[in-house]
Amino acid sequence: MRILDKPFIAYVKEAQFGIALLFVVSLIRFLLKPVFGIPYEKGTLFASVTIVQPILMLIYTMRVIRSSGTYRDLLGFAAVLSLSMLGFIVAGILIDDLVGIDTYYTDPAHGGAFSPWEHIAGHTIAAIVFTIVLWGIGSLIYVIGGASQKTAGVRS
């Protein structure tokens, strides 16, 4: 039994724009404190991959609906977005801790008080949860959007 309809790399290739956008937002988030001196409380909403990720899932859900894809395709995109976000966050945490740059990724009030490995483990668990949540959101939209698309096809 297959979990995804296509090889995982196919979803990665299709989601290149989303991965690039997550990278850019992650990089901006990384630079806000050390380069621009913006405190966490003021700048965190300007560069939040947690906000960008569901928006991207909505975009890829619409692509799946238009291409007559399946719930398995939604799972593929949810996993790609969550794993990409995890990779960028882990990189930020490691660079922050190993090089000693003070960034949002290790803000003491938001996970930075943990050891880097505990912090990374927490984000790994969060990536699994985000995959499931994004898949659920995408599936709900798929049901609503897919039903309206089938209804529209019958009327024409």
Protein backbone atom coordinates (compact mmCIF):
# COMPACT_ATOMS: atom_id res chain seq x y z
CA MET A 1 0.00 0.00 0.00
CA ARG A 2 1.36 3.36 -1.03
CA ILE A 3 1.02 6.40 1.20
CA LEU A 4 1.55 8.96 -1.59
CA ASP A 5 0.39 8.84 -5.21
CA LYS A 6 3.76 10.03 -6.54
CA PRO A 7 7.35 9.74 -5.38
CA PHE A 8 8.13 12.25 -2.61
CA ILE A 9 10.64 14.07 -4.83
CA ALA A 10 7.80 14.90 -7.26
CA TYR A 11 6.05 16.86 -4.50
CA VAL A 12 9.33 18.58 -3.67
CA LYS A 13 9.71 19.66 -7.30
CA GLU A 14 6.12 20.89 -7.51
CA ALA A 15 6.46 22.82 -4.25
CA GLN A 16 9.72 24.61 -5.14
CA PHE A 17 8.04 28.02 -4.92
CA GLY A 18 6.66 27.24 -1.46
CA ILE A 19 9.99 25.90 -0.25
CA ALA A 20 11.77 29.00 -1.55
CA LEU A 21 9.23 31.27 0.14
CA LEU A 22 9.64 29.41 3.45
CA PHE A 23 13.40 29.81 3.10
CA VAL A 24 13.14 33.56 2.47
CA VAL A 25 10.83 34.06 5.46
CA SER A 26 13.13 31.90 7.62
CA LEU A 27 16.15 33.94 6.53
CA ILE A 28 14.39 37.23 7.23
CA ARG A 29 13.39 35.88 10.64
CA PHE A 30 17.00 34.89 11.27
CA LEU A 31 18.29 38.37 10.41
CA LEU A 32 15.67 40.55 12.15
CA LYS A 33 17.36 40.61 15.55
CA PRO A 34 21.11 40.50 14.81
CA VAL A 35 21.11 42.72 11.71
CA PHE A 36 18.18 45.06 12.23
CA GLY A 37 17.97 44.99 16.04
CA ILE A 38 14.22 44.37 16.10
CA PRO A 39 13.18 42.69 19.36
CA TYR A 40 11.29 39.40 19.21
CA GLU A 41 7.98 40.88 20.41
CA LYS A 42 7.92 43.47 17.63
CA GLY A 43 9.23 41.49 14.68
CA THR A 44 8.07 37.92 15.03
CA LEU A 45 4.78 38.46 13.19
CA PHE A 46 6.57 40.05 10.23
CA ALA A 47 8.48 36.85 9.53
CA SER A 48 6.54 33.80 10.65
CA VAL A 49 6.84 30.54 8.76
CA THR A 50 3.98 29.28 10.93
CA ILE A 51 1.71 31.85 9.24
CA VAL A 52 3.11 31.33 5.74
CA GLN A 53 2.83 27.54 5.83
CA PRO A 54 -1.02 27.28 5.96
CA ILE A 55 -1.29 29.90 3.23
CA LEU A 56 0.99 27.80 1.04
CA MET A 57 -1.05 24.70 1.87
CA LEU A 58 -4.14 26.52 0.63
CA ILE A 59 -2.37 27.29 -2.65
CA TYR A 60 -1.24 23.69 -3.13
CA THR A 61 -4.68 22.38 -2.16
CA MET A 62 -6.18 24.46 -4.97
CA ARG A 63 -3.62 22.97 -7.35
CA VAL A 64 -4.60 19.46 -6.25
CA ILE A 65 -8.30 20.25 -6.74
CA ARG A 66 -7.69 21.71 -10.23
CA SER A 67 -5.56 18.77 -11.31
CA SER A 68 -8.05 16.19 -9.97
CA GLY A 69 -5.50 15.04 -7.40
CA THR A 70 -6.21 13.02 -4.29
CA TYR A 71 -5.94 13.21 -0.52
CA ARG A 72 -2.59 11.47 -0.90
CA ASP A 73 -1.34 14.41 -2.95
CA LEU A 74 -2.43 16.74 -0.15
CA LEU A 75 -0.43 14.64 2.31
CA GLY A 76 2.62 14.90 0.04
CA PHE A 77 2.44 18.69 -0.05
CA ALA A 78 1.77 18.93 3.70
CA ALA A 79 4.84 16.78 4.39
CA VAL A 80 7.06 18.77 2.01
CA LEU A 81 6.05 22.08 3.58
CA SER A 82 6.46 20.81 7.15
CA LEU A 83 9.80 19.12 6.52
CA SER A 84 11.12 22.19 4.70
CA MET A 85 10.08 24.40 7.57
CA LEU A 86 11.72 21.97 10.01
CA GLY A 87 14.97 22.02 8.03
CA PHE A 88 15.14 25.81 7.99
CA ILE A 89 14.31 26.10 11.69
CA VAL A 90 16.87 23.45 12.65
CA ALA A 91 19.49 25.25 10.57
CA GLY A 92 18.64 28.52 12.33
CA ILE A 93 18.86 26.90 15.77
CA LEU A 94 22.19 25.22 15.00
CA ILE A 95 23.77 28.31 13.46
CA ASP A 96 22.52 30.39 16.36
CA ASP A 97 23.89 28.01 18.99
CA LEU A 98 27.11 26.93 17.30
CA VAL A 99 28.16 30.35 16.01
CA GLY A 100 26.70 32.30 18.91
CA ILE A 101 24.49 34.67 16.93
CA ASP A 102 21.50 35.86 18.97
CA THR A 103 18.39 35.40 16.79
CA TYR A 104 14.69 34.73 17.19
CA TYR A 105 15.39 31.01 16.82
CA THR A 106 16.81 30.79 20.33
CA ASP A 107 14.86 33.49 22.11
CA PRO A 108 14.84 32.34 25.76
CA ALA A 109 11.09 32.78 26.15
CA HIS A 110 10.31 30.75 23.02
CA GLY A 111 12.35 27.55 23.24
CA GLY A 112 15.83 29.02 23.52
CA ALA A 113 16.09 28.10 27.20
CA PHE A 114 16.26 24.41 26.22
CA SER A 115 19.38 22.69 24.99
CA PRO A 116 19.66 22.88 21.19
CA TRP A 117 18.85 19.16 20.93
CA GLU A 118 15.70 19.46 23.06
CA HIS A 119 14.69 22.49 21.03
CA ILE A 120 15.23 20.60 17.76
CA ALA A 121 13.33 17.57 19.11
CA GLY A 122 10.40 19.82 19.95
CA HIS A 123 10.36 21.26 16.45
CA THR A 124 10.57 17.75 14.98
CA ILE A 125 7.46 16.72 16.90
CA ALA A 126 5.82 19.98 15.81
CA ALA A 127 6.64 19.17 12.15
CA ILE A 128 4.83 15.84 12.45
CA VAL A 129 1.83 17.57 14.03
CA PHE A 130 1.91 20.33 11.37
CA THR A 131 1.91 17.72 8.62
CA ILE A 132 -1.26 16.17 10.02
CA VAL A 133 -2.92 19.54 10.67
CA LEU A 134 -2.07 20.85 7.19
CA TRP A 135 -3.34 17.63 5.64
CA GLY A 136 -6.56 18.04 7.61
CA ILE A 137 -6.99 21.65 6.53
CA GLY A 138 -6.23 20.73 2.93
CA SER A 139 -8.64 17.78 3.07
CA LEU A 140 -11.44 19.95 4.40
CA ILE A 141 -10.89 22.49 1.63
CA TYR A 142 -10.61 19.63 -0.87
CA VAL A 143 -14.00 18.26 0.18
CA ILE A 144 -15.64 21.68 -0.08
CA GLY A 145 -13.80 22.74 -3.25
CA GLY A 146 -13.99 19.35 -4.90
CA ALA A 147 -17.74 19.10 -4.29
CA SER A 148 -18.37 22.55 -5.76
CA GLN A 149 -16.20 21.67 -8.76
CA LYS A 150 -18.20 18.46 -9.40
CA THR A 151 -21.46 20.40 -9.06
CA ALA A 152 -20.19 23.04 -11.49
CA GLY A 153 -19.29 20.31 -13.99
CA VAL A 154 -22.79 18.81 -13.88
CA ARG A 155 -24.47 22.16 -14.53
CA SER A 156 -22.50 23.01 -17.66
